[in-house]
PDB file of N, CA and C in Angstrom:
ATOM      1  N   MET A   1      71.807  57.069 128.106  1.00  0.00           N
ATOM      2  CA  MET A   1      71.994  57.132 129.542  1.00  0.00           C
ATOM      3  C   MET A   1      73.150  56.213 129.924  1.00  0.00           C
ATOM      4  N   LYS A   2      74.026  56.705 130.770  1.00  0.00           N
ATOM      5  CA  LYS A   2      75.182  55.922 131.181  1.00  0.00           C
ATOM      6  C   LYS A   2      74.778  54.888 132.229  1.00  0.00           C
ATOM      7  N   THR A   3      75.568  53.838 132.310  1.00  0.00           N
ATOM      8  CA  THR A   3      75.331  52.800 133.312  1.00  0.00           C
ATOM      9  C   THR A   3      75.445  53.375 134.719  1.00  0.00           C
ATOM     10  N   GLU A   4      76.348  54.324 134.900  1.00  0.00           N
ATOM     11  CA  GLU A   4      76.530  54.946 136.215  1.00  0.00           C
ATOM     12  C   GLU A   4      75.264  55.680 136.651  1.00  0.00           C
ATOM     13  N   SER A   5      74.611  56.351 135.722  1.00  0.00           N
ATOM     14  CA  SER A   5      73.368  57.067 136.031  1.00  0.00           C
ATOM     15  C   SER A   5      72.255  56.099 136.417  1.00  0.00           C
ATOM     16  N   ILE A   6      72.187  54.976 135.720  1.00  0.00           N
ATOM     17  CA  ILE A   6      71.160  53.977 136.028  1.00  0.00           C
ATOM     18  C   ILE A   6      71.372  53.425 137.434  1.00  0.00           C
ATOM     19  N   TRP A   7      72.632  53.122 137.771  1.00  0.00           N
ATOM     20  CA  TRP A   7      72.909  52.589 139.113  1.00  0.00           C
ATOM     21  C   TRP A   7      72.629  53.633 140.193  1.00  0.00           C
ATOM     22  N   THR A   8      72.837  54.890 139.877  1.00  0.00           N
ATOM     23  CA  THR A   8      72.510  55.956 140.832  1.00  0.00           C
ATOM     24  C   THR A   8      71.007  55.999 141.079  1.00  0.00           C
ATOM     25  N   ILE A   9      70.228  55.907 140.022  1.00  0.00           N
ATOM     26  CA  ILE A   9      68.768  55.925 140.155  1.00  0.00           C
ATOM     27  C   ILE A   9      68.291  54.698 140.928  1.00  0.00           C
ATOM     28  N   VAL A  10      68.847  53.532 140.597  1.00  0.00           N
ATOM     29  CA  VAL A  10      68.485  52.305 141.319  1.00  0.00           C
ATOM     30  C   VAL A  10      68.848  52.438 142.795  1.00  0.00           C
ATOM     31  N   GLY A  11      70.010  52.999 143.079  1.00  0.00           N
ATOM     32  CA  GLY A  11      70.433  53.197 144.466  1.00  0.00           C
ATOM     33  C   GLY A  11      69.508  54.130 145.228  1.00  0.00           C
ATOM     34  N   VAL A  12      69.066  55.192 144.572  1.00  0.00           N
ATOM     35  CA  VAL A  12      68.139  56.136 145.216  1.00  0.00           C
ATOM     36  C   VAL A  12      66.809  55.453 145.499  1.00  0.00           C
ATOM     37  N   VAL A  13      66.307  54.687 144.553  1.00  0.00           N
ATOM     38  CA  VAL A  13      65.033  53.982 144.750  1.00  0.00           C
ATOM     39  C   VAL A  13      65.145  52.987 145.897  1.00  0.00           C
ATOM     40  N   ILE A  14      66.237  52.247 145.951  1.00  0.00           N
ATOM     41  CA  ILE A  14      66.444  51.287 147.042  1.00  0.00           C
ATOM     42  C   ILE A  14      66.570  52.013 148.374  1.00  0.00           C
ATOM     43  N   ALA A  15      67.290  53.127 148.398  1.00  0.00           N
ATOM     44  CA  ALA A  15      67.446  53.898 149.637  1.00  0.00           C
ATOM     45  C   ALA A  15      66.101  54.420 150.136  1.00  0.00           C
ATOM     46  N   VAL A  16      65.271  54.901 149.232  1.00  0.00           N
ATOM     47  CA  VAL A  16      63.945  55.395 149.622  1.00  0.00           C
ATOM     48  C   VAL A  16      63.081  54.245 150.140  1.00  0.00           C
ATOM     49  N   ALA A  17      63.142  53.092 149.494  1.00  0.00           N
ATOM     50  CA  ALA A  17      62.351  51.941 149.937  1.00  0.00           C
ATOM     51  C   ALA A  17      62.785  51.484 151.328  1.00  0.00           C
ATOM     52  N   ILE A  18      64.090  51.423 151.572  1.00  0.00           N
ATOM     53  CA  ILE A  18      64.597  51.023 152.884  1.00  0.00           C
ATOM     54  C   ILE A  18      64.211  52.054 153.936  1.00  0.00           C
ATOM     55  N   ALA A  19      64.348  53.328 153.615  1.00  0.00           N
ATOM     56  CA  ALA A  19      63.974  54.383 154.563  1.00  0.00           C
ATOM     57  C   ALA A  19      62.486  54.314 154.884  1.00  0.00           C
ATOM     58  N   TRP A  20      61.658  54.089 153.873  1.00  0.00           N
ATOM     59  CA  TRP A  20      60.211  53.987 154.085  1.00  0.00           C
ATOM     60  C   TRP A  20      59.907  52.839 155.039  1.00  0.00           C
ATOM     61  N   PHE A  21      60.538  51.689 154.812  1.00  0.00           N
ATOM     62  CA  PHE A  21      60.330  50.512 155.663  1.00  0.00           C
ATOM     63  C   PHE A  21      60.783  50.787 157.092  1.00  0.00           C
ATOM     64  N   LEU A  22      61.957  51.390 157.259  1.00  0.00           N
ATOM     65  CA  LEU A  22      62.473  51.670 158.600  1.00  0.00           C
ATOM     66  C   LEU A  22      61.592  52.659 159.353  1.00  0.00           C
ATOM     67  N   VAL A  23      61.132  53.690 158.674  1.00  0.00           N
ATOM     68  CA  VAL A  23      60.242  54.662 159.322  1.00  0.00           C
ATOM     69  C   VAL A  23      58.941  53.982 159.731  1.00  0.00           C
ATOM     70  N   GLU A  24      58.414  53.121 158.881  1.00  0.00           N
ATOM     71  CA  GLU A  24      57.185  52.389 159.209  1.00  0.00           C
ATOM     72  C   GLU A  24      57.381  51.523 160.449  1.00  0.00           C
ATOM     73  N   VAL A  25      58.505  50.829 160.528  1.00  0.00           N
ATOM     74  CA  VAL A  25      58.789  49.971 161.683  1.00  0.00           C
ATOM     75  C   VAL A  25      58.959  50.810 162.944  1.00  0.00           C
ATOM     76  N   VAL A  26      59.724  51.881 162.863  1.00  0.00           N
ATOM     77  CA  VAL A  26      59.969  52.727 164.038  1.00  0.00           C
ATOM     78  C   VAL A  26      58.668  53.341 164.539  1.00  0.00           C
ATOM     79  N   LEU A  27      57.836  53.832 163.640  1.00  0.00           N
ATOM     80  CA  LEU A  27      56.562  54.421 164.060  1.00  0.00           C
ATOM     81  C   LEU A  27      55.631  53.369 164.653  1.00  0.00           C
ATOM     82  N   SER A  28      55.649  52.157 164.120  1.00  0.00           N
ATOM     83  CA  SER A  28      54.827  51.085 164.685  1.00  0.00           C
ATOM     84  C   SER A  28      55.280  50.742 166.096  1.00  0.00           C
ATOM     85  N   VAL A  29      56.586  50.667 166.298  1.00  0.00           N
ATOM     86  CA  VAL A  29      57.117  50.365 167.632  1.00  0.00           C
ATOM     87  C   VAL A  29      56.785  51.493 168.601  1.00  0.00           C
ATOM     88  N   MET A  30      56.941  52.742 168.153  1.00  0.00           N
ATOM     89  CA  MET A  30      56.615  53.881 169.018  1.00  0.00           C
ATOM     90  C   MET A  30      55.130  53.876 169.371  1.00  0.00           C
ATOM     91  N   TRP A  31      54.264  53.587 168.410  1.00  0.00           N
ATOM     92  CA  TRP A  31      52.825  53.546 168.664  1.00  0.00           C
ATOM     93  C   TRP A  31      52.502  52.431 169.653  1.00  0.00           C
ATOM     94  N   PHE A  32      53.166  51.272 169.517  1.00  0.00           N
ATOM     95  CA  PHE A  32      52.951  50.162 170.445  1.00  0.00           C
ATOM     96  C   PHE A  32      53.320  50.575 171.864  1.00  0.00           C
ATOM     97  N   PHE A  33      54.481  51.213 172.049  1.00  0.00           N
ATOM     98  CA  PHE A  33      54.899  51.630 173.383  1.00  0.00           C
ATOM     99  C   PHE A  33      53.992  52.731 173.935  1.00  0.00           C
ATOM    100  N   ALA A  34      53.469  53.588 173.075  1.00  0.00           N
ATOM    101  CA  ALA A  34      52.525  54.612 173.533  1.00  0.00           C
ATOM    102  C   ALA A  34      51.240  53.959 174.034  1.00  0.00           C
ATOM    103  N   LYS A  35      50.761  52.938 173.327  1.00  0.00           N
ATOM    104  CA  LYS A  35      49.559  52.233 173.776  1.00  0.00           C
ATOM    105  C   LYS A  35      49.820  51.501 175.086  1.00  0.00           C
ATOM    106  N   VAL A  36      50.984  50.874 175.212  1.00  0.00           N
ATOM    107  CA  VAL A  36      51.326  50.180 176.457  1.00  0.00           C
ATOM    108  C   VAL A  36      51.384  51.167 177.610  1.00  0.00           C
ATOM    109  N   ALA A  37      51.980  52.320 177.403  1.00  0.00           N
ATOM    110  CA  ALA A  37      52.059  53.339 178.455  1.00  0.00           C
ATOM    111  C   ALA A  37      50.663  53.811 178.848  1.00  0.00           C
ATOM    112  N   ALA A  38      49.776  53.997 177.882  1.00  0.00           N
ATOM    113  CA  ALA A  38      48.408  54.423 178.185  1.00  0.00           C
ATOM    114  C   ALA A  38      47.669  53.354 178.975  1.00  0.00           C
ATOM    115  N   VAL A  39      47.855  52.100 178.609  1.00  0.00           N
ATOM    116  CA  VAL A  39      47.204  51.004 179.335  1.00  0.00           C
ATOM    117  C   VAL A  39      47.717  50.932 180.766  1.00  0.00           C
ATOM    118  N   ILE A  40      49.015  51.066 180.951  1.00  0.00           N
ATOM    119  CA  ILE A  40      49.579  51.039 182.305  1.00  0.00           C
ATOM    120  C   ILE A  40      49.042  52.205 183.126  1.00  0.00           C
ATOM    121  N   PHE A  41      48.974  53.382 182.541  1.00  0.00           N
ATOM    122  CA  PHE A  41      48.470  54.566 183.239  1.00  0.00           C
ATOM    123  C   PHE A  41      47.022  54.361 183.689  1.00  0.00           C
ATOM    124  N   VAL A  42      46.178  53.881 182.778  1.00  0.00           N
ATOM    125  CA  VAL A  42      44.770  53.655 183.115  1.00  0.00           C
ATOM    126  C   VAL A  42      44.643  52.537 184.143  1.00  0.00           C
ATOM    127  N   ALA A  43      45.443  51.489 184.026  1.00  0.00           N
ATOM    128  CA  ALA A  43      45.385  50.387 184.985  1.00  0.00           C
ATOM    129  C   ALA A  43      45.751  50.856 186.386  1.00  0.00           C
ATOM    130  N   VAL A  44      46.738  51.721 186.508  1.00  0.00           N
ATOM    131  CA  VAL A  44      47.124  52.246 187.823  1.00  0.00           C
ATOM    132  C   VAL A  44      45.992  53.084 188.411  1.00  0.00           C
ATOM    133  N   ILE A  45      45.363  53.913 187.595  1.00  0.00           N
ATOM    134  CA  ILE A  45      44.242  54.729 188.080  1.00  0.00           C
ATOM    135  C   ILE A  45      43.092  53.833 188.537  1.00  0.00           C
ATOM    136  N   VAL A  46      42.748  52.827 187.745  1.00  0.00           N
ATOM    137  CA  VAL A  46      41.663  51.910 188.109  1.00  0.00           C
ATOM    138  C   VAL A  46      42.017  51.144 189.376  1.00  0.00           C
ATOM    139  N   TYR A  47      43.264  50.704 189.499  1.00  0.00           N
ATOM    140  CA  TYR A  47      43.687  49.976 190.692  1.00  0.00           C
ATOM    141  C   TYR A  47      43.497  50.828 191.942  1.00  0.00           C
ATOM    142  N   PHE A  48      43.975  52.067 191.911  1.00  0.00           N
ATOM    143  CA  PHE A  48      43.843  52.923 193.091  1.00  0.00           C
ATOM    144  C   PHE A  48      42.382  53.282 193.364  1.00  0.00           C
ATOM    145  N   ALA A  49      41.582  53.450 192.325  1.00  0.00           N
ATOM    146  CA  ALA A  49      40.157  53.736 192.523  1.00  0.00           C
ATOM    147  C   ALA A  49      39.462  52.553 193.182  1.00  0.00           C
ATOM    148  N   LEU A  50      39.719  51.352 192.688  1.00  0.00           N
ATOM    149  CA  LEU A  50      39.123  50.163 193.301  1.00  0.00           C
ATOM    150  C   LEU A  50      39.632  49.957 194.719  1.00  0.00           C
ATOM    151  N   HIS A  51      40.899  50.184 194.919  1.00  0.00           N
ATOM    152  CA  HIS A  51      41.490  50.040 196.251  1.00  0.00           C
ATOM    153  C   HIS A  51      40.829  51.008 197.225  1.00  0.00           C
ATOM    154  N   ALA A  52      40.611  52.231 196.806  1.00  0.00           N
ATOM    155  CA  ALA A  52      39.966  53.228 197.670  1.00  0.00           C
ATOM    156  C   ALA A  52      38.514  52.851 197.949  1.00  0.00           C
ATOM    157  N   LEU A  53      37.798  52.376 196.936  1.00  0.00           N
ATOM    158  CA  LEU A  53      36.399  51.989 197.131  1.00  0.00           C
ATOM    159  C   LEU A  53      36.269  50.789 198.064  1.00  0.00           C
ATOM    160  N   LEU A  54      37.129  49.810 197.904  1.00  0.00           N
ATOM    161  CA  LEU A  54      37.037  48.609 198.736  1.00  0.00           C
ATOM    162  C   LEU A  54      37.477  48.881 200.164  1.00  0.00           C
ATOM    163  N   ASN A  55      38.452  49.740 200.370  1.00  0.00           N
ATOM    164  CA  ASN A  55      38.897  50.055 201.732  1.00  0.00           C
ATOM    165  C   ASN A  55      37.897  50.946 202.451  1.00  0.00           C
ATOM    166  N   ARG A  56      37.130  51.718 201.724  1.00  0.00           N
ATOM    167  CA  ARG A  56      36.154  52.602 202.349  1.00  0.00           C
ATOM    168  C   ARG A  56      34.997  51.793 202.938  1.00  0.00           C
ATOM    169  N   LYS A  57      34.670  50.663 202.326  1.00  0.00           N
ATOM    170  CA  LYS A  57      33.552  49.840 202.794  1.00  0.00           C
ATOM    171  C   LYS A  57      33.897  49.045 204.044  1.00  0.00           C
ATOM    172  N   ARG A  58      35.153  48.869 204.350  1.00  0.00           N
ATOM    173  CA  ARG A  58      35.552  48.077 205.523  1.00  0.00           C
ATOM    174  C   ARG A  58      35.361  48.819 206.792  1.00  0.00           C
TER     175      ARG A  58
END
């Protein structure tokens, strides 16, 4: 096996490892923002529900 072939294989393995890491990070960040958006959405609904209930009693 030539040295050039070995470096090609090493380069492919490193590229796959870096891509795997980057995809993992990007998906984690996307999942975090999706959870934050869901929390904000539910908080707004709860806020308006409580606001309506408290104003109705006055």
